[in-house]
C-alpha atoms as a PDB file:
ATOM      1  CA  UNK A   1      68.262  98.466  62.298  1.00  0.00           C
ATOM      2  CA  UNK A   2      67.284  94.945  61.307  1.00  0.00           C
ATOM      3  CA  UNK A   3      70.119  92.842  59.895  1.00  0.00           C
ATOM      4  CA  UNK A   4      69.294  90.879  56.762  1.00  0.00           C
ATOM      5  CA  UNK A   5      70.354  87.249  56.582  1.00  0.00           C
ATOM      6  CA  UNK A   6      73.213  86.419  54.216  1.00  0.00           C
ATOM      7  CA  UNK A   7      71.980  84.077  51.491  1.00  0.00           C
ATOM      8  CA  UNK A   8      72.072  83.545  47.763  1.00  0.00           C
ATOM      9  CA  UNK A   9      69.906  86.067  45.954  1.00  0.00           C
ATOM     10  CA  UNK A  10      70.841  88.948  48.279  1.00  0.00           C
ATOM     11  CA  UNK A  11      73.357  91.689  47.614  1.00  0.00           C
ATOM     12  CA  UNK A  12      76.327  92.692  49.704  1.00  0.00           C
ATOM     13  CA  UNK A  13      76.933  96.429  49.862  1.00  0.00           C
ATOM     14  CA  UNK A  14      80.438  97.453  50.882  1.00  0.00           C
ATOM     15  CA  UNK A  15      80.419  99.621  53.980  1.00  0.00           C
ATOM     16  CA  UNK A  16      81.237 103.191  52.934  1.00  0.00           C
ATOM     17  CA  UNK A  17      84.841 103.289  54.139  1.00  0.00           C
ATOM     18  CA  UNK A  18      86.006  99.848  53.019  1.00  0.00           C
ATOM     19  CA  UNK A  19      89.647 100.200  52.054  1.00  0.00           C
ATOM     20  CA  UNK A  20      89.993  97.120  49.809  1.00  0.00           C
ATOM     21  CA  UNK A  21      90.191  98.668  46.300  1.00  0.00           C
ATOM     22  CA  UNK A  22      88.511  95.583  44.797  1.00  0.00           C
ATOM     23  CA  UNK A  23      85.361  96.254  46.798  1.00  0.00           C
ATOM     24  CA  UNK A  24      85.206  99.996  47.499  1.00  0.00           C
ATOM     25  CA  UNK A  25      81.572 101.154  47.075  1.00  0.00           C
ATOM     26  CA  UNK A  26      80.591  97.887  45.425  1.00  0.00           C
ATOM     27  CA  UNK A  27      77.328  95.994  45.247  1.00  0.00           C
ATOM     28  CA  UNK A  28      77.923  92.239  44.993  1.00  0.00           C
ATOM     29  CA  UNK A  29      75.155  89.922  43.812  1.00  0.00           C
ATOM     30  CA  UNK A  30      75.490  86.821  45.971  1.00  0.00           C
ATOM     31  CA  UNK A  31      74.648  83.872  43.705  1.00  0.00           C
ATOM     32  CA  UNK A  32      75.677  81.092  46.048  1.00  0.00           C
ATOM     33  CA  UNK A  33      76.031  80.910  49.822  1.00  0.00           C
ATOM     34  CA  UNK A  34      76.363  77.657  51.725  1.00  0.00           C
ATOM     35  CA  UNK A  35      78.481  75.954  54.386  1.00  0.00           C
ATOM     36  CA  UNK A  36      81.408  75.625  51.973  1.00  0.00           C
ATOM     37  CA  UNK A  37      81.590  79.310  51.066  1.00  0.00           C
ATOM     38  CA  UNK A  38      80.047  82.048  48.961  1.00  0.00           C
ATOM     39  CA  UNK A  39      80.258  83.269  45.370  1.00  0.00           C
ATOM     40  CA  UNK A  40      79.016  86.453  43.758  1.00  0.00           C
ATOM     41  CA  UNK A  41      79.664  89.146  41.186  1.00  0.00           C
ATOM     42  CA  UNK A  42      80.395  92.848  41.600  1.00  0.00           C
ATOM     43  CA  UNK A  43      77.582  94.516  39.673  1.00  0.00           C
ATOM     44  CA  UNK A  44      78.926  98.052  39.463  1.00  0.00           C
ATOM     45  CA  UNK A  45      82.514  97.941  38.127  1.00  0.00           C
ATOM     46  CA  UNK A  46      82.398  98.196  34.320  1.00  0.00           C
ATOM     47  CA  UNK A  47      85.622  97.370  32.476  1.00  0.00           C
ATOM     48  CA  UNK A  48      84.937  99.538  29.407  1.00  0.00           C
ATOM     49  CA  UNK A  49      85.105  96.623  26.986  1.00  0.00           C
ATOM     50  CA  UNK A  50      82.526  94.593  25.134  1.00  0.00           C
ATOM     51  CA  UNK A  51      82.080  90.841  25.442  1.00  0.00           C
ATOM     52  CA  UNK A  52      82.621  90.294  21.708  1.00  0.00           C
ATOM     53  CA  UNK A  53      86.012  92.032  22.062  1.00  0.00           C
ATOM     54  CA  UNK A  54      86.972  89.654  24.841  1.00  0.00           C
ATOM     55  CA  UNK A  55      85.860  86.295  23.401  1.00  0.00           C
ATOM     56  CA  UNK A  56      87.143  85.551  19.921  1.00  0.00           C
ATOM     57  CA  UNK A  57      84.266  83.442  18.506  1.00  0.00           C
ATOM     58  CA  UNK A  58      81.482  85.419  20.189  1.00  0.00           C
ATOM     59  CA  UNK A  59      78.780  86.998  17.998  1.00  0.00           C
ATOM     60  CA  UNK A  60      78.848  90.772  17.600  1.00  0.00           C
ATOM     61  CA  UNK A  61      77.098  92.000  20.729  1.00  0.00           C
ATOM     62  CA  UNK A  62      77.138  95.465  22.267  1.00  0.00           C
ATOM     63  CA  UNK A  63      77.214  94.288  25.880  1.00  0.00           C
ATOM     64  CA  UNK A  64      79.636  95.742  28.390  1.00  0.00           C
ATOM     65  CA  UNK A  65      81.795  93.501  30.584  1.00  0.00           C
ATOM     66  CA  UNK A  66      82.117  94.027  34.333  1.00  0.00           C
ATOM     67  CA  UNK A  67      84.790  93.135  36.890  1.00  0.00           C
ATOM     68  CA  UNK A  68      83.060  90.350  38.828  1.00  0.00           C
ATOM     69  CA  UNK A  69      85.759  90.108  41.444  1.00  0.00           C
ATOM     70  CA  UNK A  70      89.389  89.309  42.091  1.00  0.00           C
ATOM     71  CA  UNK A  71      89.039  85.499  41.953  1.00  0.00           C
ATOM     72  CA  UNK A  72      89.865  83.642  38.718  1.00  0.00           C
ATOM     73  CA  UNK A  73      90.017  86.714  36.511  1.00  0.00           C
ATOM     74  CA  UNK A  74      90.706  84.425  33.557  1.00  0.00           C
ATOM     75  CA  UNK A  75      87.057  83.268  33.578  1.00  0.00           C
ATOM     76  CA  UNK A  76      83.852  84.753  32.125  1.00  0.00           C
ATOM     77  CA  UNK A  77      80.464  84.494  33.868  1.00  0.00           C
ATOM     78  CA  UNK A  78      77.051  85.856  33.032  1.00  0.00           C
ATOM     79  CA  UNK A  79      73.862  86.800  34.836  1.00  0.00           C
ATOM     80  CA  UNK A  80      70.647  87.327  32.897  1.00  0.00           C
ATOM     81  CA  UNK A  81      66.867  87.640  33.064  1.00  0.00           C
ATOM     82  CA  UNK A  82      66.002  84.991  30.436  1.00  0.00           C
ATOM     83  CA  UNK A  83      66.151  81.802  32.476  1.00  0.00           C
ATOM     84  CA  UNK A  84      63.220  80.286  30.615  1.00  0.00           C
ATOM     85  CA  UNK A  85      65.153  80.564  27.331  1.00  0.00           C
ATOM     86  CA  UNK A  86      68.619  79.543  28.447  1.00  0.00           C
ATOM     87  CA  UNK A  87      68.959  75.874  29.395  1.00  0.00           C
ATOM     88  CA  UNK A  88      71.012  74.960  32.457  1.00  0.00           C
ATOM     89  CA  UNK A  89      70.764  78.423  34.022  1.00  0.00           C
ATOM     90  CA  UNK A  90      70.319  78.692  37.790  1.00  0.00           C
ATOM     91  CA  UNK A  91      67.682  80.953  39.329  1.00  0.00           C
ATOM     92  CA  UNK A  92      69.320  83.330  41.808  1.00  0.00           C
ATOM     93  CA  UNK A  93      66.226  85.355  42.706  1.00  0.00           C
ATOM     94  CA  UNK A  94      63.110  86.668  40.922  1.00  0.00           C
ATOM     95  CA  UNK A  95      64.107  87.811  37.427  1.00  0.00           C
ATOM     96  CA  UNK A  96      67.796  86.955  37.875  1.00  0.00           C
ATOM     97  CA  UNK A  97      69.537  83.806  36.570  1.00  0.00           C
ATOM     98  CA  UNK A  98      73.159  82.742  36.525  1.00  0.00           C
ATOM     99  CA  UNK A  99      74.994  80.882  33.765  1.00  0.00           C
ATOM    100  CA  UNK A 100      73.504  78.420  31.318  1.00  0.00           C
ATOM    101  CA  UNK A 101      74.417  76.633  28.113  1.00  0.00           C
ATOM    102  CA  UNK A 102      77.089  78.832  26.485  1.00  0.00           C
ATOM    103  CA  UNK A 103      76.535  77.590  22.906  1.00  0.00           C
ATOM    104  CA  UNK A 104      72.794  78.188  23.215  1.00  0.00           C
ATOM    105  CA  UNK A 105      73.561  81.643  24.642  1.00  0.00           C
ATOM    106  CA  UNK A 106      75.481  82.517  21.477  1.00  0.00           C
ATOM    107  CA  UNK A 107      72.623  81.159  19.320  1.00  0.00           C
ATOM    108  CA  UNK A 108      70.020  83.214  21.251  1.00  0.00           C
ATOM    109  CA  UNK A 109      72.164  86.345  20.851  1.00  0.00           C
ATOM    110  CA  UNK A 110      72.591  85.735  17.115  1.00  0.00           C
ATOM    111  CA  UNK A 111      68.809  85.234  16.857  1.00  0.00           C
ATOM    112  CA  UNK A 112      68.182  88.526  18.723  1.00  0.00           C
ATOM    113  CA  UNK A 113      66.321  86.663  21.472  1.00  0.00           C
ATOM    114  CA  UNK A 114      68.813  87.916  24.057  1.00  0.00           C
ATOM    115  CA  UNK A 115      69.641  91.615  23.902  1.00  0.00           C
ATOM    116  CA  UNK A 116      72.300  93.562  25.837  1.00  0.00           C
ATOM    117  CA  UNK A 117      69.600  94.734  28.282  1.00  0.00           C
ATOM    118  CA  UNK A 118      68.958  91.078  29.247  1.00  0.00           C
ATOM    119  CA  UNK A 119      72.449  90.064  30.326  1.00  0.00           C
ATOM    120  CA  UNK A 120      75.587  91.139  32.188  1.00  0.00           C
ATOM    121  CA  UNK A 121      79.007  89.548  31.669  1.00  0.00           C
ATOM    122  CA  UNK A 122      81.684  89.387  34.355  1.00  0.00           C
ATOM    123  CA  UNK A 123      85.414  88.741  34.343  1.00  0.00           C
ATOM    124  CA  UNK A 124      86.244  86.790  37.487  1.00  0.00           C
ATOM    125  CA  UNK A 125      84.106  86.514  40.583  1.00  0.00           C
ATOM    126  CA  UNK A 126      84.032  87.380  44.256  1.00  0.00           C
ATOM    127  CA  UNK A 127      84.479  84.373  46.501  1.00  0.00           C
ATOM    128  CA  UNK A 128      84.691  83.603  50.176  1.00  0.00           C
ATOM    129  CA  UNK A 129      85.849  80.363  51.769  1.00  0.00           C
ATOM    130  CA  UNK A 130      83.968  78.639  54.578  1.00  0.00           C
ATOM    131  CA  UNK A 131      83.446  81.145  57.408  1.00  0.00           C
ATOM    132  CA  UNK A 132      85.268  84.008  55.670  1.00  0.00           C
ATOM    133  CA  UNK A 133      82.152  86.017  54.763  1.00  0.00           C
ATOM    134  CA  UNK A 134      80.696  85.432  58.238  1.00  0.00           C
ATOM    135  CA  UNK A 135      83.873  86.916  59.733  1.00  0.00           C
ATOM    136  CA  UNK A 136      83.672  89.924  57.399  1.00  0.00           C
ATOM    137  CA  UNK A 137      80.043  90.431  58.430  1.00  0.00           C
ATOM    138  CA  UNK A 138      81.031  90.419  62.125  1.00  0.00           C
ATOM    139  CA  UNK A 139      83.750  92.953  61.355  1.00  0.00           C
ATOM    140  CA  UNK A 140      81.147  95.157  59.637  1.00  0.00           C
ATOM    141  CA  UNK A 141      82.552  95.123  56.118  1.00  0.00           C
ATOM    142  CA  UNK A 142      79.212  94.465  54.416  1.00  0.00           C
ATOM    143  CA  UNK A 143      75.572  95.479  54.561  1.00  0.00           C
ATOM    144  CA  UNK A 144      73.112  92.857  53.282  1.00  0.00           C
ATOM    145  CA  UNK A 145      70.243  94.091  51.100  1.00  0.00           C
ATOM    146  CA  UNK A 146      67.476  92.612  49.017  1.00  0.00           C
ATOM    147  CA  UNK A 147      68.242  92.155  45.345  1.00  0.00           C
ATOM    148  CA  UNK A 148      66.028  93.744  42.743  1.00  0.00           C
ATOM    149  CA  UNK A 149      66.534  92.728  39.096  1.00  0.00           C
ATOM    150  CA  UNK A 150      66.327  96.412  38.160  1.00  0.00           C
ATOM    151  CA  UNK A 151      69.616  97.027  39.974  1.00  0.00           C
ATOM    152  CA  UNK A 152      71.352  94.848  37.431  1.00  0.00           C
ATOM    153  CA  UNK A 153      69.367  95.423  34.255  1.00  0.00           C
ATOM    154  CA  UNK A 154      67.993  98.990  34.516  1.00  0.00           C
ATOM    155  CA  UNK A 155      70.138 101.088  36.860  1.00  0.00           C
ATOM    156  CA  UNK A 156      73.382 102.740  35.793  1.00  0.00           C
ATOM    157  CA  UNK A 157      76.328 101.005  37.523  1.00  0.00           C
ATOM    158  CA  UNK A 158      77.582 104.266  39.045  1.00  0.00           C
ATOM    159  CA  UNK A 159      74.205 104.722  40.802  1.00  0.00           C
ATOM    160  CA  UNK A 160      73.766 101.158  42.039  1.00  0.00           C
ATOM    161  CA  UNK A 161      75.562 101.190  45.413  1.00  0.00           C
ATOM    162  CA  UNK A 162      73.982 104.464  46.476  1.00  0.00           C
ATOM    163  CA  UNK A 163      70.475 103.463  45.344  1.00  0.00           C
ATOM    164  CA  UNK A 164      70.577 100.023  46.996  1.00  0.00           C
ATOM    165  CA  UNK A 165      71.829 101.580  50.243  1.00  0.00           C
ATOM    166  CA  UNK A 166      69.138 104.275  50.054  1.00  0.00           C
ATOM    167  CA  UNK A 167      66.416 101.657  49.415  1.00  0.00           C
ATOM    168  CA  UNK A 168      67.268  99.948  52.714  1.00  0.00           C
ATOM    169  CA  UNK A 169      65.830 103.004  54.486  1.00  0.00           C
ATOM    170  CA  UNK A 170      66.507 104.219  58.043  1.00  0.00           C
ATOM    171  CA  UNK A 171      70.144 105.151  58.711  1.00  0.00           C
ATOM    172  CA  UNK A 172      71.182 103.674  55.356  1.00  0.00           C
ATOM    173  CA  UNK A 173      69.662 106.671  53.562  1.00  0.00           C
ATOM    174  CA  UNK A 174      72.243 108.822  55.356  1.00  0.00           C
ATOM    175  CA  UNK A 175      75.045 106.367  54.462  1.00  0.00           C
ATOM    176  CA  UNK A 176      73.928 106.505  50.824  1.00  0.00           C
ATOM    177  CA  UNK A 177      74.523 110.251  50.794  1.00  0.00           C
ATOM    178  CA  UNK A 178      78.054 110.033  52.231  1.00  0.00           C
ATOM    179  CA  UNK A 179      80.818 111.246  49.988  1.00  0.00           C
ATOM    180  CA  UNK A 180      83.413 108.745  48.826  1.00  0.00           C
ATOM    181  CA  UNK A 181      86.079 111.052  50.173  1.00  0.00           C
ATOM    182  CA  UNK A 182      86.235 110.460  53.944  1.00  0.00           C
ATOM    183  CA  UNK A 183      87.641 113.921  54.624  1.00  0.00           C
ATOM    184  CA  UNK A 184      84.381 115.490  53.404  1.00  0.00           C
ATOM    185  CA  UNK A 185      82.193 113.741  56.015  1.00  0.00           C
END
């Protein structure tokens, strides 16, 4: 099996028997990876709340919020596919942008130029200090995969980990079919 290089714009798939409850069966979009560390968002842990319920002065918007990770859970982040509309957003990979001007975001939502299908909101983020992610990769905690914007904007969160693992092919198709319960394998 060929190992993918860890870099921004890739996804980290938790190995099937990871015990850390924050990351069990997660798919993390890696938005930033450099010598100082890494930052990403768990794409498949919905919190069963809407963004307009979480932020007081936010326009009415039927967009679900996700648990981005255990770091700074008092912060809100967003990833979207409308980088050309939202000033100051950062391109992560094709069709996927991170952040941008928050006031303009609210205006674009009010104007119906950004719809719930265009954006995902996250409470907190997943972060690794210098060398930490490299060590976790050596230990075998993560599988690196290519990001596809459809994972974030089209696929149901409960299907994401399995589908991304399956799309890697080879032995990963078998891993994708493993039960979450280790006693069934």
